Amino acid sequence: MNKNTGCACPRCGYESRCSGGSWYDRHPTAAVAFATFSLMFSLVVVVGYPWLLLVAAVGAAVYAVDREVRRRRALVARADWEHRQVMAAALREVEPPRPERRRRPRGASHFARTEPMRSAR
């Protein structure tokens, strides 16, 4: 994951830079208002329902583990795809000779005459 932006494609796992900046950078006043409201609400919830903090922590841990597993699967899938491309390119470069098809001489019929086998008696 990129240290500066934290952007990683969940599909291929490649890191990228976010060109527009984060939402907080573009709307600082709204970000401060949202943070203040979130902090006050969180304090009220924790004081009223302390067990909910444990549930939220477990949920966050499960989410983080799932995201990491998906990222690793995406990286493995990308590596497998690239490996298949490299192997296919190597096979195209060194293509084995194809066996020649045996052709019947012109005028030969499918119902060509055959002679019976002779036994030595």
PDB file of N, CA and C in Angstrom:
ATOM      1  N   MET A   1       0.848  -1.172   0.000  1.00  0.00           N
ATOM      2  CA  MET A   1       0.000   0.000   0.000  1.00  0.00           C
ATOM      3  C   MET A   1       0.895   1.237   0.000  1.00  0.00           C
ATOM      4  N   ASN A   2       0.466   2.252  -0.679  1.00  0.00           N
ATOM      5  CA  ASN A   2       1.240   3.469  -0.805  1.00  0.00           C
ATOM      6  C   ASN A   2       1.204   4.244   0.516  1.00  0.00           C
ATOM      7  N   LYS A   3       2.369   4.662   0.996  1.00  0.00           N
ATOM      8  CA  LYS A   3       2.446   5.388   2.275  1.00  0.00           C
ATOM      9  C   LYS A   3       1.757   6.746   2.199  1.00  0.00           C
ATOM     10  N   ASN A   4       1.900   7.422   1.053  1.00  0.00           N
ATOM     11  CA  ASN A   4       1.399   8.788   0.947  1.00  0.00           C
ATOM     12  C   ASN A   4      -0.123   8.855   0.825  1.00  0.00           C
ATOM     13  N   THR A   5      -0.696   7.969   0.028  1.00  0.00           N
ATOM     14  CA  THR A   5      -2.127   8.091  -0.230  1.00  0.00           C
ATOM     15  C   THR A   5      -2.928   6.929   0.296  1.00  0.00           C
ATOM     16  N   GLY A   6      -2.329   5.782   0.455  1.00  0.00           N
ATOM     17  CA  GLY A   6      -3.066   4.625   0.916  1.00  0.00           C
ATOM     18  C   GLY A   6      -3.962   4.044  -0.152  1.00  0.00           C
ATOM     19  N   CYS A   7      -3.714   4.342  -1.410  1.00  0.00           N
ATOM     20  CA  CYS A   7      -4.545   3.841  -2.497  1.00  0.00           C
ATOM     21  C   CYS A   7      -3.939   2.574  -3.070  1.00  0.00           C
ATOM     22  N   ALA A   8      -4.695   1.504  -3.084  1.00  0.00           N
ATOM     23  CA  ALA A   8      -4.290   0.263  -3.736  1.00  0.00           C
ATOM     24  C   ALA A   8      -5.521  -0.307  -4.414  1.00  0.00           C
ATOM     25  N   CYS A   9      -5.371  -0.706  -5.642  1.00  0.00           N
ATOM     26  CA  CYS A   9      -6.489  -1.264  -6.391  1.00  0.00           C
ATOM     27  C   CYS A   9      -6.884  -2.598  -5.766  1.00  0.00           C
ATOM     28  N   PRO A  10      -8.144  -2.763  -5.320  1.00  0.00           N
ATOM     29  CA  PRO A  10      -8.539  -4.026  -4.695  1.00  0.00           C
ATOM     30  C   PRO A  10      -8.577  -5.180  -5.683  1.00  0.00           C
ATOM     31  N   ARG A  11      -8.594  -4.887  -6.982  1.00  0.00           N
ATOM     32  CA  ARG A  11      -8.657  -5.946  -7.980  1.00  0.00           C
ATOM     33  C   ARG A  11      -7.281  -6.474  -8.345  1.00  0.00           C
ATOM     34  N   CYS A  12      -6.368  -5.586  -8.729  1.00  0.00           N
ATOM     35  CA  CYS A  12      -5.057  -6.059  -9.176  1.00  0.00           C
ATOM     36  C   CYS A  12      -3.983  -5.879  -8.120  1.00  0.00           C
ATOM     37  N   GLY A  13      -4.211  -5.071  -7.084  1.00  0.00           N
ATOM     38  CA  GLY A  13      -3.231  -4.898  -6.026  1.00  0.00           C
ATOM     39  C   GLY A  13      -2.184  -3.842  -6.314  1.00  0.00           C
ATOM     40  N   TYR A  14      -2.236  -3.241  -7.503  1.00  0.00           N
ATOM     41  CA  TYR A  14      -1.244  -2.215  -7.820  1.00  0.00           C
ATOM     42  C   TYR A  14      -1.489  -0.959  -7.001  1.00  0.00           C
ATOM     43  N   GLU A  15      -0.408  -0.315  -6.654  1.00  0.00           N
ATOM     44  CA  GLU A  15      -0.511   0.936  -5.909  1.00  0.00           C
ATOM     45  C   GLU A  15      -0.607   2.085  -6.897  1.00  0.00           C
ATOM     46  N   SER A  16      -1.356   3.080  -6.523  1.00  0.00           N
ATOM     47  CA  SER A  16      -1.491   4.238  -7.396  1.00  0.00           C
ATOM     48  C   SER A  16      -1.549   5.498  -6.546  1.00  0.00           C
ATOM     49  N   ARG A  17      -1.368   6.597  -7.173  1.00  0.00           N
ATOM     50  CA  ARG A  17      -1.463   7.878  -6.480  1.00  0.00           C
ATOM     51  C   ARG A  17      -2.823   8.503  -6.782  1.00  0.00           C
ATOM     52  N   CYS A  18      -3.468   9.026  -5.750  1.00  0.00           N
ATOM     53  CA  CYS A  18      -4.742   9.707  -5.946  1.00  0.00           C
ATOM     54  C   CYS A  18      -4.448  11.132  -6.378  1.00  0.00           C
ATOM     55  N   SER A  19      -4.926  11.517  -7.539  1.00  0.00           N
ATOM     56  CA  SER A  19      -4.553  12.816  -8.093  1.00  0.00           C
ATOM     57  C   SER A  19      -5.299  13.973  -7.431  1.00  0.00           C
ATOM     58  N   GLY A  20      -6.540  13.761  -7.010  1.00  0.00           N
ATOM     59  CA  GLY A  20      -7.324  14.874  -6.485  1.00  0.00           C
ATOM     60  C   GLY A  20      -7.140  15.138  -5.010  1.00  0.00           C
ATOM     61  N   GLY A  21      -6.352  14.353  -4.331  1.00  0.00           N
ATOM     62  CA  GLY A  21      -6.216  14.513  -2.892  1.00  0.00           C
ATOM     63  C   GLY A  21      -7.403  13.877  -2.193  1.00  0.00           C
ATOM     64  N   SER A  22      -7.365  13.823  -0.886  1.00  0.00           N
ATOM     65  CA  SER A  22      -8.459  13.198  -0.156  1.00  0.00           C
ATOM     66  C   SER A  22      -9.599  14.206   0.057  1.00  0.00           C
ATOM     67  N   TRP A  23     -10.740  13.676   0.490  1.00  0.00           N
ATOM     68  CA  TRP A  23     -11.901  14.515   0.725  1.00  0.00           C
ATOM     69  C   TRP A  23     -11.596  15.535   1.812  1.00  0.00           C
ATOM     70  N   TYR A  24     -10.832  15.116   2.827  1.00  0.00           N
ATOM     71  CA  TYR A  24     -10.514  16.013   3.946  1.00  0.00           C
ATOM     72  C   TYR A  24      -9.677  17.201   3.478  1.00  0.00           C
ATOM     73  N   ASP A  25      -8.805  16.981   2.499  1.00  0.00           N
ATOM     74  CA  ASP A  25      -7.985  18.081   1.983  1.00  0.00           C
ATOM     75  C   ASP A  25      -8.823  19.093   1.210  1.00  0.00           C
ATOM     76  N   ARG A  26      -9.839  18.615   0.523  1.00  0.00           N
ATOM     77  CA  ARG A  26     -10.656  19.505  -0.297  1.00  0.00           C
ATOM     78  C   ARG A  26     -11.724  20.247   0.501  1.00  0.00           C
ATOM     79  N   HIS A  27     -12.175  19.685   1.644  1.00  0.00           N
ATOM     80  CA  HIS A  27     -13.242  20.303   2.450  1.00  0.00           C
ATOM     81  C   HIS A  27     -12.820  20.338   3.920  1.00  0.00           C
ATOM     82  N   PRO A  28     -11.894  21.204   4.298  1.00  0.00           N
ATOM     83  CA  PRO A  28     -11.377  21.182   5.675  1.00  0.00           C
ATOM     84  C   PRO A  28     -12.429  21.576   6.723  1.00  0.00           C
ATOM     85  N   THR A  29     -13.312  22.524   6.433  1.00  0.00           N
ATOM     86  CA  THR A  29     -14.310  22.946   7.415  1.00  0.00           C
ATOM     87  C   THR A  29     -15.303  21.814   7.682  1.00  0.00           C
ATOM     88  N   ALA A  30     -15.755  21.183   6.640  1.00  0.00           N
ATOM     89  CA  ALA A  30     -16.693  20.077   6.799  1.00  0.00           C
ATOM     90  C   ALA A  30     -16.014  18.909   7.519  1.00  0.00           C
ATOM     91  N   ALA A  31     -14.739  18.711   7.250  1.00  0.00           N
ATOM     92  CA  ALA A  31     -14.016  17.622   7.901  1.00  0.00           C
ATOM     93  C   ALA A  31     -13.918  17.858   9.410  1.00  0.00           C
ATOM     94  N   VAL A  32     -13.630  19.089   9.831  1.00  0.00           N
ATOM     95  CA  VAL A  32     -13.536  19.402  11.258  1.00  0.00           C
ATOM     96  C   VAL A  32     -14.909  19.238  11.923  1.00  0.00           C
ATOM     97  N   ALA A  33     -15.968  19.691  11.261  1.00  0.00           N
ATOM     98  CA  ALA A  33     -17.317  19.555  11.819  1.00  0.00           C
ATOM     99  C   ALA A  33     -17.694  18.074  11.956  1.00  0.00           C
ATOM    100  N   PHE A  34     -17.385  17.296  10.951  1.00  0.00           N
ATOM    101  CA  PHE A  34     -17.693  15.874  10.999  1.00  0.00           C
ATOM    102  C   PHE A  34     -16.890  15.176  12.088  1.00  0.00           C
ATOM    103  N   ALA A  35     -15.625  15.536  12.225  1.00  0.00           N
ATOM    104  CA  ALA A  35     -14.784  14.924  13.257  1.00  0.00           C
ATOM    105  C   ALA A  35     -15.295  15.266  14.656  1.00  0.00           C
ATOM    106  N   THR A  36     -15.711  16.504  14.875  1.00  0.00           N
ATOM    107  CA  THR A  36     -16.230  16.909  16.180  1.00  0.00           C
ATOM    108  C   THR A  36     -17.506  16.144  16.516  1.00  0.00           C
ATOM    109  N   PHE A  37     -18.420  16.072  15.557  1.00  0.00           N
ATOM    110  CA  PHE A  37     -19.659  15.339  15.781  1.00  0.00           C
ATOM    111  C   PHE A  37     -19.367  13.858  16.048  1.00  0.00           C
ATOM    112  N   SER A  38     -18.455  13.276  15.275  1.00  0.00           N
ATOM    113  CA  SER A  38     -18.126  11.857  15.453  1.00  0.00           C
ATOM    114  C   SER A  38     -17.513  11.599  16.815  1.00  0.00           C
ATOM    115  N   LEU A  39     -16.645  12.476  17.260  1.00  0.00           N
ATOM    116  CA  LEU A  39     -16.013  12.309  18.565  1.00  0.00           C
ATOM    117  C   LEU A  39     -17.054  12.392  19.682  1.00  0.00           C
ATOM    118  N   MET A  40     -17.940  13.364  19.624  1.00  0.00           N
ATOM    119  CA  MET A  40     -18.963  13.512  20.658  1.00  0.00           C
ATOM    120  C   MET A  40     -19.910  12.301  20.672  1.00  0.00           C
ATOM    121  N   PHE A  41     -20.329  11.868  19.501  1.00  0.00           N
ATOM    122  CA  PHE A  41     -21.230  10.712  19.412  1.00  0.00           C
ATOM    123  C   PHE A  41     -20.545   9.461  19.946  1.00  0.00           C
ATOM    124  N   SER A  42     -19.274   9.277  19.602  1.00  0.00           N
ATOM    125  CA  SER A  42     -18.529   8.099  20.061  1.00  0.00           C
ATOM    126  C   SER A  42     -18.400   8.092  21.586  1.00  0.00           C
ATOM    127  N   LEU A  43     -18.120   9.250  22.165  1.00  0.00           N
ATOM    128  CA  LEU A  43     -18.011   9.316  23.624  1.00  0.00           C
ATOM    129  C   LEU A  43     -19.335   8.970  24.293  1.00  0.00           C
ATOM    130  N   VAL A  44     -20.446   9.459  23.758  1.00  0.00           N
ATOM    131  CA  VAL A  44     -21.759   9.158  24.324  1.00  0.00           C
ATOM    132  C   VAL A  44     -22.044   7.661  24.211  1.00  0.00           C
ATOM    133  N   VAL A  45     -21.730   7.061  23.079  1.00  0.00           N
ATOM    134  CA  VAL A  45     -21.994   5.634  22.880  1.00  0.00           C
ATOM    135  C   VAL A  45     -21.119   4.793  23.804  1.00  0.00           C
ATOM    136  N   VAL A  46     -19.845   5.144  23.952  1.00  0.00           N
ATOM    137  CA  VAL A  46     -18.930   4.360  24.791  1.00  0.00           C
ATOM    138  C   VAL A  46     -19.343   4.441  26.257  1.00  0.00           C
ATOM    139  N   VAL A  47     -19.760   5.616  26.700  1.00  0.00           N
ATOM    140  CA  VAL A  47     -20.190   5.750  28.098  1.00  0.00           C
ATOM    141  C   VAL A  47     -21.484   4.979  28.323  1.00  0.00           C
ATOM    142  N   GLY A  48     -22.407   5.030  27.380  1.00  0.00           N
ATOM    143  CA  GLY A  48     -23.693   4.355  27.551  1.00  0.00           C
ATOM    144  C   GLY A  48     -23.622   2.850  27.297  1.00  0.00           C
ATOM    145  N   TYR A  49     -22.859   2.424  26.326  1.00  0.00           N
ATOM    146  CA  TYR A  49     -22.776   1.005  25.940  1.00  0.00           C
ATOM    147  C   TYR A  49     -21.314   0.601  25.762  1.00  0.00           C
ATOM    148  N   PRO A  50     -20.613   0.299  26.850  1.00  0.00           N
ATOM    149  CA  PRO A  50     -19.183  -0.018  26.723  1.00  0.00           C
ATOM    150  C   PRO A  50     -18.913  -1.313  25.943  1.00  0.00           C
ATOM    151  N   TRP A  51     -19.837  -2.265  25.978  1.00  0.00           N
ATOM    152  CA  TRP A  51     -19.626  -3.513  25.244  1.00  0.00           C
ATOM    153  C   TRP A  51     -19.640  -3.292  23.736  1.00  0.00           C
ATOM    154  N   LEU A  52     -20.284  -2.190  23.299  1.00  0.00           N
ATOM    155  CA  LEU A  52     -20.340  -1.887  21.870  1.00  0.00           C
ATOM    156  C   LEU A  52     -18.949  -1.549  21.320  1.00  0.00           C
ATOM    157  N   LEU A  53     -18.092  -1.041  22.175  1.00  0.00           N
ATOM    158  CA  LEU A  53     -16.713  -0.750  21.771  1.00  0.00           C
ATOM    159  C   LEU A  53     -15.986  -2.037  21.388  1.00  0.00           C
ATOM    160  N   LEU A  54     -16.220  -3.094  22.163  1.00  0.00           N
ATOM    161  CA  LEU A  54     -15.614  -4.389  21.855  1.00  0.00           C
ATOM    162  C   LEU A  54     -16.137  -4.941  20.525  1.00  0.00           C
ATOM    163  N   VAL A  55     -17.425  -4.815  20.297  1.00  0.00           N
ATOM    164  CA  VAL A  55     -18.018  -5.281  19.034  1.00  0.00           C
ATOM    165  C   VAL A  55     -17.429  -4.511  17.845  1.00  0.00           C
ATOM    166  N   ALA A  56     -17.283  -3.213  18.005  1.00  0.00           N
ATOM    167  CA  ALA A  56     -16.707  -2.399  16.928  1.00  0.00           C
ATOM    168  C   ALA A  56     -15.250  -2.773  16.676  1.00  0.00           C
ATOM    169  N   ALA A  57     -14.490  -3.049  17.744  1.00  0.00           N
ATOM    170  CA  ALA A  57     -13.088  -3.433  17.579  1.00  0.00           C
ATOM    171  C   ALA A  57     -12.964  -4.773  16.852  1.00  0.00           C
ATOM    172  N   VAL A  58     -13.829  -5.725  17.203  1.00  0.00           N
ATOM    173  CA  VAL A  58     -13.807  -7.029  16.514  1.00  0.00           C
ATOM    174  C   VAL A  58     -14.196  -6.853  15.052  1.00  0.00           C
ATOM    175  N   GLY A  59     -15.198  -6.040  14.788  1.00  0.00           N
ATOM    176  CA  GLY A  59     -15.608  -5.778  13.411  1.00  0.00           C
ATOM    177  C   GLY A  59     -14.504  -5.128  12.597  1.00  0.00           C
ATOM    178  N   ALA A  60     -13.793  -4.189  13.210  1.00  0.00           N
ATOM    179  CA  ALA A  60     -12.688  -3.531  12.506  1.00  0.00           C
ATOM    180  C   ALA A  60     -11.560  -4.517  12.215  1.00  0.00           C
ATOM    181  N   ALA A  61     -11.287  -5.406  13.157  1.00  0.00           N
ATOM    182  CA  ALA A  61     -10.235  -6.405  12.941  1.00  0.00           C
ATOM    183  C   ALA A  61     -10.616  -7.372  11.818  1.00  0.00           C
ATOM    184  N   VAL A  62     -11.866  -7.804  11.804  1.00  0.00           N
ATOM    185  CA  VAL A  62     -12.333  -8.705  10.737  1.00  0.00           C
ATOM    186  C   VAL A  62     -12.260  -8.013   9.389  1.00  0.00           C
ATOM    187  N   TYR A  63     -12.645  -6.753   9.343  1.00  0.00           N
ATOM    188  CA  TYR A  63     -12.574  -5.991   8.098  1.00  0.00           C
ATOM    189  C   TYR A  63     -11.129  -5.863   7.618  1.00  0.00           C
ATOM    190  N   ALA A  64     -10.217  -5.563   8.522  1.00  0.00           N
ATOM    191  CA  ALA A  64      -8.809  -5.408   8.140  1.00  0.00           C
ATOM    192  C   ALA A  64      -8.232  -6.722   7.623  1.00  0.00           C
ATOM    193  N   VAL A  65      -8.562  -7.823   8.271  1.00  0.00           N
ATOM    194  CA  VAL A  65      -8.060  -9.130   7.821  1.00  0.00           C
ATOM    195  C   VAL A  65      -8.644  -9.467   6.452  1.00  0.00           C
ATOM    196  N   ASP A  66      -9.939  -9.228   6.257  1.00  0.00           N
ATOM    197  CA  ASP A  66     -10.569  -9.520   4.970  1.00  0.00           C
ATOM    198  C   ASP A  66      -9.961  -8.684   3.849  1.00  0.00           C
ATOM    199  N   ARG A  67      -9.699  -7.434   4.134  1.00  0.00           N
ATOM    200  CA  ARG A  67      -9.101  -6.558   3.109  1.00  0.00           C
ATOM    201  C   ARG A  67      -7.704  -7.034   2.734  1.00  0.00           C
ATOM    202  N   GLU A  68      -6.924  -7.456   3.723  1.00  0.00           N
ATOM    203  CA  GLU A  68      -5.574  -7.957   3.442  1.00  0.00           C
ATOM    204  C   GLU A  68      -5.624  -9.256   2.644  1.00  0.00           C
ATOM    205  N   VAL A  69      -6.559 -10.133   2.984  1.00  0.00           N
ATOM    206  CA  VAL A  69      -6.701 -11.394   2.229  1.00  0.00           C
ATOM    207  C   VAL A  69      -7.085 -11.102   0.784  1.00  0.00           C
ATOM    208  N   ARG A  70      -8.004 -10.184   0.571  1.00  0.00           N
ATOM    209  CA  ARG A  70      -8.395  -9.826  -0.799  1.00  0.00           C
ATOM    210  C   ARG A  70      -7.230  -9.217  -1.571  1.00  0.00           C
ATOM    211  N   ARG A  71      -6.448  -8.379  -0.911  1.00  0.00           N
ATOM    212  CA  ARG A  71      -5.307  -7.759  -1.577  1.00  0.00           C
ATOM    213  C   ARG A  71      -4.288  -8.811  -1.985  1.00  0.00           C
ATOM    214  N   ARG A  72      -4.018  -9.759  -1.091  1.00  0.00           N
ATOM    215  CA  ARG A  72      -3.055 -10.814  -1.413  1.00  0.00           C
ATOM    216  C   ARG A  72      -3.563 -11.709  -2.531  1.00  0.00           C
ATOM    217  N   ARG A  73      -4.867 -12.029  -2.508  1.00  0.00           N
ATOM    218  CA  ARG A  73      -5.424 -12.838  -3.600  1.00  0.00           C
ATOM    219  C   ARG A  73      -5.315 -12.110  -4.931  1.00  0.00           C
ATOM    220  N   ALA A  74      -5.544 -10.802  -4.903  1.00  0.00           N
ATOM    221  CA  ALA A  74      -5.431 -10.018  -6.137  1.00  0.00           C
ATOM    222  C   ALA A  74      -3.992 -10.021  -6.646  1.00  0.00           C
ATOM    223  N   LEU A  75      -3.026  -9.892  -5.733  1.00  0.00           N
ATOM    224  CA  LEU A  75      -1.626  -9.927  -6.151  1.00  0.00           C
ATOM    225  C   LEU A  75      -1.253 -11.288  -6.727  1.00  0.00           C
ATOM    226  N   VAL A  76      -1.737 -12.352  -6.106  1.00  0.00           N
ATOM    227  CA  VAL A  76      -1.447 -13.706  -6.607  1.00  0.00           C
ATOM    228  C   VAL A  76      -2.086 -13.905  -7.973  1.00  0.00           C
ATOM    229  N   ALA A  77      -3.325 -13.437  -8.142  1.00  0.00           N
ATOM    230  CA  ALA A  77      -3.996 -13.583  -9.429  1.00  0.00           C
ATOM    231  C   ALA A  77      -3.257 -12.809 -10.509  1.00  0.00           C
ATOM    232  N   ARG A  78      -2.785 -11.628 -10.178  1.00  0.00           N
ATOM    233  CA  ARG A  78      -2.029 -10.824 -11.152  1.00  0.00           C
ATOM    234  C   ARG A  78      -0.721 -11.512 -11.502  1.00  0.00           C
ATOM    235  N   ALA A  79      -0.027 -12.061 -10.516  1.00  0.00           N
ATOM    236  CA  ALA A  79       1.230 -12.763 -10.769  1.00  0.00           C
ATOM    237  C   ALA A  79       0.994 -14.006 -11.625  1.00  0.00           C
ATOM    238  N   ASP A  80      -0.083 -14.736 -11.359  1.00  0.00           N
ATOM    239  CA  ASP A  80      -0.407 -15.902 -12.182  1.00  0.00           C
ATOM    240  C   ASP A  80      -0.681 -15.501 -13.622  1.00  0.00           C
ATOM    241  N   TRP A  81      -1.418 -14.428 -13.809  1.00  0.00           N
ATOM    242  CA  TRP A  81      -1.725 -13.962 -15.159  1.00  0.00           C
ATOM    243  C   TRP A  81      -0.447 -13.563 -15.891  1.00  0.00           C
ATOM    244  N   GLU A  82       0.423 -12.811 -15.212  1.00  0.00           N
ATOM    245  CA  GLU A  82       1.679 -12.403 -15.846  1.00  0.00           C
ATOM    246  C   GLU A  82       2.551 -13.612 -16.168  1.00  0.00           C
ATOM    247  N   HIS A  83       2.552 -14.609 -15.286  1.00  0.00           N
ATOM    248  CA  HIS A  83       3.338 -15.820 -15.539  1.00  0.00           C
ATOM    249  C   HIS A  83       2.805 -16.550 -16.770  1.00  0.00           C
ATOM    250  N   ARG A  84       1.473 -16.646 -16.891  1.00  0.00           N
ATOM    251  CA  ARG A  84       0.903 -17.283 -18.072  1.00  0.00           C
ATOM    252  C   ARG A  84       1.263 -16.532 -19.345  1.00  0.00           C
ATOM    253  N   GLN A  85       1.293 -15.205 -19.280  1.00  0.00           N
ATOM    254  CA  GLN A  85       1.654 -14.416 -20.454  1.00  0.00           C
ATOM    255  C   GLN A  85       3.112 -14.650 -20.843  1.00  0.00           C
ATOM    256  N   VAL A  86       3.988 -14.708 -19.838  1.00  0.00           N
ATOM    257  CA  VAL A  86       5.414 -14.945 -20.122  1.00  0.00           C
ATOM    258  C   VAL A  86       5.611 -16.327 -20.722  1.00  0.00           C
ATOM    259  N   MET A  87       4.934 -17.327 -20.159  1.00  0.00           N
ATOM    260  CA  MET A  87       5.083 -18.688 -20.675  1.00  0.00           C
ATOM    261  C   MET A  87       4.506 -18.806 -22.083  1.00  0.00           C
ATOM    262  N   ALA A  88       3.397 -18.145 -22.354  1.00  0.00           N
ATOM    263  CA  ALA A  88       2.814 -18.187 -23.694  1.00  0.00           C
ATOM    264  C   ALA A  88       3.737 -17.507 -24.700  1.00  0.00           C
ATOM    265  N   ALA A  89       4.380 -16.416 -24.295  1.00  0.00           N
ATOM    266  CA  ALA A  89       5.317 -15.737 -25.195  1.00  0.00           C
ATOM    267  C   ALA A  89       6.526 -16.625 -25.475  1.00  0.00           C
ATOM    268  N   ALA A  90       6.992 -17.334 -24.465  1.00  0.00           N
ATOM    269  CA  ALA A  90       8.138 -18.226 -24.673  1.00  0.00           C
ATOM    270  C   ALA A  90       7.757 -19.368 -25.610  1.00  0.00           C
ATOM    271  N   LEU A  91       6.548 -19.872 -25.493  1.00  0.00           N
ATOM    272  CA  LEU A  91       6.109 -20.941 -26.392  1.00  0.00           C
ATOM    273  C   LEU A  91       5.942 -20.448 -27.818  1.00  0.00           C
ATOM    274  N   ARG A  92       5.504 -19.202 -27.970  1.00  0.00           N
ATOM    275  CA  ARG A  92       5.367 -18.661 -29.326  1.00  0.00           C
ATOM    276  C   ARG A  92       6.723 -18.499 -29.986  1.00  0.00           C
ATOM    277  N   GLU A  93       7.745 -18.148 -29.201  1.00  0.00           N
ATOM    278  CA  GLU A  93       9.086 -17.966 -29.772  1.00  0.00           C
ATOM    279  C   GLU A  93       9.676 -19.289 -30.225  1.00  0.00           C
ATOM    280  N   VAL A  94       9.517 -20.325 -29.459  1.00  0.00           N
ATOM    281  CA  VAL A  94      10.095 -21.623 -29.781  1.00  0.00           C
ATOM    282  C   VAL A  94       8.954 -22.605 -30.004  1.00  0.00           C
ATOM    283  N   GLU A  95       8.268 -22.461 -31.125  1.00  0.00           N
ATOM    284  CA  GLU A  95       7.154 -23.346 -31.408  1.00  0.00           C
ATOM    285  C   GLU A  95       7.685 -24.642 -32.001  1.00  0.00           C
ATOM    286  N   PRO A  96       7.285 -25.781 -31.459  1.00  0.00           N
ATOM    287  CA  PRO A  96       7.787 -27.056 -31.982  1.00  0.00           C
ATOM    288  C   PRO A  96       7.256 -27.303 -33.393  1.00  0.00           C
ATOM    289  N   PRO A  97       8.034 -28.014 -34.214  1.00  0.00           N
ATOM    290  CA  PRO A  97       7.553 -28.274 -35.572  1.00  0.00           C
ATOM    291  C   PRO A  97       6.339 -29.196 -35.536  1.00  0.00           C
ATOM    292  N   ARG A  98       5.397 -28.896 -36.387  1.00  0.00           N
ATOM    293  CA  ARG A  98       4.184 -29.712 -36.436  1.00  0.00           C
ATOM    294  C   ARG A  98       4.429 -30.911 -37.349  1.00  0.00           C
ATOM    295  N   PRO A  99       3.918 -32.061 -36.982  1.00  0.00           N
ATOM    296  CA  PRO A  99       4.105 -33.231 -37.852  1.00  0.00           C
ATOM    297  C   PRO A  99       3.325 -33.048 -39.152  1.00  0.00           C
ATOM    298  N   GLU A 100       3.922 -33.537 -40.232  1.00  0.00           N
ATOM    299  CA  GLU A 100       3.259 -33.410 -41.530  1.00  0.00           C
ATOM    300  C   GLU A 100       2.126 -34.411 -41.622  1.00  0.00           C
ATOM    301  N   ARG A 101       1.067 -33.985 -42.237  1.00  0.00           N
ATOM    302  CA  ARG A 101      -0.053 -34.894 -42.458  1.00  0.00           C
ATOM    303  C   ARG A 101       0.274 -35.807 -43.623  1.00  0.00           C
ATOM    304  N   ARG A 102      -0.041 -37.062 -43.475  1.00  0.00           N
ATOM    305  CA  ARG A 102       0.185 -38.001 -44.574  1.00  0.00           C
ATOM    306  C   ARG A 102      -0.960 -37.854 -45.563  1.00  0.00           C
ATOM    307  N   ARG A 103      -0.610 -37.604 -46.781  1.00  0.00           N
ATOM    308  CA  ARG A 103      -1.618 -37.431 -47.818  1.00  0.00           C
ATOM    309  C   ARG A 103      -1.588 -38.629 -48.762  1.00  0.00           C
ATOM    310  N   ARG A 104      -2.740 -38.978 -49.255  1.00  0.00           N
ATOM    311  CA  ARG A 104      -2.825 -40.038 -50.247  1.00  0.00           C
ATOM    312  C   ARG A 104      -2.356 -39.512 -51.591  1.00  0.00           C
ATOM    313  N   PRO A 105      -1.711 -40.355 -52.360  1.00  0.00           N
ATOM    314  CA  PRO A 105      -1.314 -39.893 -53.703  1.00  0.00           C
ATOM    315  C   PRO A 105      -2.551 -39.599 -54.553  1.00  0.00           C
ATOM    316  N   ARG A 106      -2.379 -38.718 -55.494  1.00  0.00           N
ATOM    317  CA  ARG A 106      -3.503 -38.353 -56.352  1.00  0.00           C
ATOM    318  C   ARG A 106      -4.021 -39.578 -57.083  1.00  0.00           C
ATOM    319  N   GLY A 107      -5.280 -39.612 -57.215  1.00  0.00           N
ATOM    320  CA  GLY A 107      -5.912 -40.718 -57.912  1.00  0.00           C
ATOM    321  C   GLY A 107      -6.180 -41.906 -57.006  1.00  0.00           C
ATOM    322  N   ALA A 108      -5.655 -41.910 -55.798  1.00  0.00           N
ATOM    323  CA  ALA A 108      -5.912 -43.030 -54.899  1.00  0.00           C
ATOM    324  C   ALA A 108      -7.312 -42.905 -54.348  1.00  0.00           C
ATOM    325  N   SER A 109      -8.000 -43.969 -54.360  1.00  0.00           N
ATOM    326  CA  SER A 109      -9.374 -43.977 -53.899  1.00  0.00           C
ATOM    327  C   SER A 109      -9.414 -44.463 -52.454  1.00  0.00           C
ATOM    328  N   HIS A 110     -10.459 -44.092 -51.803  1.00  0.00           N
ATOM    329  CA  HIS A 110     -10.650 -44.588 -50.451  1.00  0.00           C
ATOM    330  C   HIS A 110     -10.887 -46.090 -50.475  1.00  0.00           C
ATOM    331  N   PHE A 111     -11.503 -46.551 -51.532  1.00  0.00           N
ATOM    332  CA  PHE A 111     -11.790 -47.972 -51.669  1.00  0.00           C
ATOM    333  C   PHE A 111     -10.711 -48.636 -52.530  1.00  0.00           C
ATOM    334  N   ALA A 112      -9.471 -48.462 -52.203  1.00  0.00           N
ATOM    335  CA  ALA A 112      -8.371 -49.054 -52.974  1.00  0.00           C
ATOM    336  C   ALA A 112      -8.399 -50.570 -52.830  1.00  0.00           C
ATOM    337  N   ARG A 113      -7.986 -51.269 -53.892  1.00  0.00           N
ATOM    338  CA  ARG A 113      -7.986 -52.719 -53.864  1.00  0.00           C
ATOM    339  C   ARG A 113      -6.874 -53.215 -52.964  1.00  0.00           C
ATOM    340  N   THR A 114      -7.174 -54.273 -52.283  1.00  0.00           N
ATOM    341  CA  THR A 114      -6.171 -54.896 -51.434  1.00  0.00           C
ATOM    342  C   THR A 114      -6.075 -56.371 -51.797  1.00  0.00           C
ATOM    343  N   GLU A 115      -4.947 -56.945 -51.522  1.00  0.00           N
ATOM    344  CA  GLU A 115      -4.753 -58.364 -51.787  1.00  0.00           C
ATOM    345  C   GLU A 115      -4.866 -59.113 -50.478  1.00  0.00           C
ATOM    346  N   PRO A 116      -5.383 -60.340 -50.530  1.00  0.00           N
ATOM    347  CA  PRO A 116      -5.480 -61.112 -49.307  1.00  0.00           C
ATOM    348  C   PRO A 116      -4.100 -61.487 -48.796  1.00  0.00           C
ATOM    349  N   MET A 117      -3.986 -61.656 -47.502  1.00  0.00           N
ATOM    350  CA  MET A 117      -2.728 -62.046 -46.903  1.00  0.00           C
ATOM    351  C   MET A 117      -2.478 -63.522 -47.228  1.00  0.00           C
ATOM    352  N   ARG A 118      -1.246 -63.828 -47.501  1.00  0.00           N
ATOM    353  CA  ARG A 118      -0.884 -65.198 -47.823  1.00  0.00           C
ATOM    354  C   ARG A 118      -0.183 -65.803 -46.608  1.00  0.00           C
ATOM    355  N   SER A 119      -0.520 -67.028 -46.364  1.00  0.00           N
ATOM    356  CA  SER A 119       0.132 -67.721 -45.268  1.00  0.00           C
ATOM    357  C   SER A 119       1.117 -68.726 -45.832  1.00  0.00           C
ATOM    358  N   ALA A 120       2.137 -69.048 -45.104  1.00  0.00           N
ATOM    359  CA  ALA A 120       3.172 -69.984 -45.561  1.00  0.00           C
ATOM    360  C   ALA A 120       2.765 -71.391 -45.159  1.00  0.00           C
ATOM    361  N   ARG A 121       2.067 -72.151 -46.062  1.00  0.00           N
ATOM    362  CA  ARG A 121       1.700 -73.536 -45.750  1.00  0.00           C
ATOM    363  C   ARG A 121       2.373 -74.478 -46.614  1.00  0.00           C
TER     364      ARG A 121
END
